[in-house]
């Protein structure tokens, strides 16, 4: 059996890969720069939310209170 690449697995599921290839790759892969930039901004936001201990440990078990804590953290982080 031949191993399947991540890009091929995503393509089989109908998902477009937006991660650029490495510089040393022999056959370049096209990617959407705008989509990659948006994806990166979302990942950075999740990383910043993880600085909030209350959100990371899921201190609040009630979904409404938990969502409120995320909204508060996101608002504070967006203002910075």
C-alpha atoms as a PDB file:
ATOM      1  CA  UNK A   1       0.000   0.000   0.000  1.00  0.00           C
ATOM      2  CA  UNK A   2       1.278   3.420  -0.901  1.00  0.00           C
ATOM      3  CA  UNK A   3       1.025   6.162   1.760  1.00  0.00           C
ATOM      4  CA  UNK A   4      -1.401   8.942   0.899  1.00  0.00           C
ATOM      5  CA  UNK A   5      -0.307  12.538   1.353  1.00  0.00           C
ATOM      6  CA  UNK A   6      -2.131  15.016   3.524  1.00  0.00           C
ATOM      7  CA  UNK A   7      -3.044  17.176   0.552  1.00  0.00           C
ATOM      8  CA  UNK A   8      -4.468  14.167  -1.298  1.00  0.00           C
ATOM      9  CA  UNK A   9      -6.505  13.127   1.756  1.00  0.00           C
ATOM     10  CA  UNK A  10      -7.920  16.641   2.057  1.00  0.00           C
ATOM     11  CA  UNK A  11      -8.720  16.719  -1.653  1.00  0.00           C
ATOM     12  CA  UNK A  12     -10.603  13.419  -1.378  1.00  0.00           C
ATOM     13  CA  UNK A  13     -12.785  14.961   1.340  1.00  0.00           C
ATOM     14  CA  UNK A  14     -13.456  18.060  -0.761  1.00  0.00           C
ATOM     15  CA  UNK A  15     -11.284  20.362   1.370  1.00  0.00           C
ATOM     16  CA  UNK A  16      -8.991  22.904  -0.273  1.00  0.00           C
ATOM     17  CA  UNK A  17      -5.515  23.041   1.265  1.00  0.00           C
ATOM     18  CA  UNK A  18      -4.419  26.607   1.940  1.00  0.00           C
ATOM     19  CA  UNK A  19      -0.953  25.926   3.351  1.00  0.00           C
ATOM     20  CA  UNK A  20       1.897  26.943   1.029  1.00  0.00           C
ATOM     21  CA  UNK A  21       4.556  24.439   0.066  1.00  0.00           C
ATOM     22  CA  UNK A  22       8.166  24.552   1.194  1.00  0.00           C
ATOM     23  CA  UNK A  23      10.778  26.378  -0.839  1.00  0.00           C
ATOM     24  CA  UNK A  24      12.737  23.223  -1.639  1.00  0.00           C
ATOM     25  CA  UNK A  25       9.765  21.337  -3.110  1.00  0.00           C
ATOM     26  CA  UNK A  26      10.401  20.092  -6.642  1.00  0.00           C
ATOM     27  CA  UNK A  27       6.802  20.415  -7.824  1.00  0.00           C
ATOM     28  CA  UNK A  28       5.245  23.649  -6.484  1.00  0.00           C
ATOM     29  CA  UNK A  29       1.701  23.558  -5.110  1.00  0.00           C
ATOM     30  CA  UNK A  30      -0.697  26.445  -5.621  1.00  0.00           C
ATOM     31  CA  UNK A  31      -2.386  27.985  -2.617  1.00  0.00           C
ATOM     32  CA  UNK A  32      -4.737  30.854  -1.865  1.00  0.00           C
ATOM     33  CA  UNK A  33      -2.743  33.563  -0.071  1.00  0.00           C
ATOM     34  CA  UNK A  34      -5.848  35.363   1.212  1.00  0.00           C
ATOM     35  CA  UNK A  35      -7.307  32.172   2.700  1.00  0.00           C
ATOM     36  CA  UNK A  36      -3.955  31.315   4.304  1.00  0.00           C
ATOM     37  CA  UNK A  37      -3.740  34.776   5.870  1.00  0.00           C
ATOM     38  CA  UNK A  38      -7.246  34.459   7.361  1.00  0.00           C
ATOM     39  CA  UNK A  39      -6.437  30.970   8.670  1.00  0.00           C
ATOM     40  CA  UNK A  40      -3.270  32.247  10.314  1.00  0.00           C
ATOM     41  CA  UNK A  41      -5.129  35.104  12.018  1.00  0.00           C
ATOM     42  CA  UNK A  42      -7.645  32.637  13.473  1.00  0.00           C
ATOM     43  CA  UNK A  43      -4.855  30.390  14.774  1.00  0.00           C
ATOM     44  CA  UNK A  44      -3.156  33.386  16.396  1.00  0.00           C
ATOM     45  CA  UNK A  45      -6.442  34.343  18.082  1.00  0.00           C
ATOM     46  CA  UNK A  46      -6.861  30.812  19.490  1.00  0.00           C
ATOM     47  CA  UNK A  47      -3.292  30.983  20.790  1.00  0.00           C
ATOM     48  CA  UNK A  48      -4.060  34.237  22.571  1.00  0.00           C
ATOM     49  CA  UNK A  49      -7.280  32.832  24.035  1.00  0.00           C
ATOM     50  CA  UNK A  50      -5.232  30.014  25.549  1.00  0.00           C
ATOM     51  CA  UNK A  51      -3.505  32.604  27.726  1.00  0.00           C
ATOM     52  CA  UNK A  52      -6.806  32.967  29.574  1.00  0.00           C
ATOM     53  CA  UNK A  53      -6.723  30.171  32.163  1.00  0.00           C
ATOM     54  CA  UNK A  54     -10.482  30.263  32.697  1.00  0.00           C
ATOM     55  CA  UNK A  55     -11.098  29.527  29.004  1.00  0.00           C
ATOM     56  CA  UNK A  56      -8.388  26.867  28.599  1.00  0.00           C
ATOM     57  CA  UNK A  57      -9.371  24.764  31.592  1.00  0.00           C
ATOM     58  CA  UNK A  58     -13.077  25.136  30.834  1.00  0.00           C
ATOM     59  CA  UNK A  59     -13.538  26.435  34.341  1.00  0.00           C
ATOM     60  CA  UNK A  60     -17.174  27.324  33.635  1.00  0.00           C
ATOM     61  CA  UNK A  61     -19.237  24.231  32.830  1.00  0.00           C
ATOM     62  CA  UNK A  62     -22.334  26.142  31.813  1.00  0.00           C
ATOM     63  CA  UNK A  63     -22.169  26.713  28.021  1.00  0.00           C
ATOM     64  CA  UNK A  64     -23.634  30.216  28.232  1.00  0.00           C
ATOM     65  CA  UNK A  65     -21.113  31.359  30.857  1.00  0.00           C
ATOM     66  CA  UNK A  66     -18.266  29.692  28.932  1.00  0.00           C
ATOM     67  CA  UNK A  67     -19.253  31.457  25.693  1.00  0.00           C
ATOM     68  CA  UNK A  68     -19.483  34.728  27.613  1.00  0.00           C
ATOM     69  CA  UNK A  69     -15.942  34.218  28.946  1.00  0.00           C
ATOM     70  CA  UNK A  70     -14.691  33.596  25.395  1.00  0.00           C
ATOM     71  CA  UNK A  71     -16.487  36.717  24.146  1.00  0.00           C
ATOM     72  CA  UNK A  72     -15.010  38.793  26.964  1.00  0.00           C
ATOM     73  CA  UNK A  73     -11.494  37.464  26.328  1.00  0.00           C
ATOM     74  CA  UNK A  74     -11.826  38.051  22.571  1.00  0.00           C
ATOM     75  CA  UNK A  75     -13.037  41.598  23.163  1.00  0.00           C
ATOM     76  CA  UNK A  76     -10.148  42.404  25.501  1.00  0.00           C
ATOM     77  CA  UNK A  77      -7.652  40.874  23.060  1.00  0.00           C
ATOM     78  CA  UNK A  78      -9.139  42.760  20.094  1.00  0.00           C
ATOM     79  CA  UNK A  79      -8.795  46.083  21.914  1.00  0.00           C
ATOM     80  CA  UNK A  80      -5.097  45.552  22.650  1.00  0.00           C
END
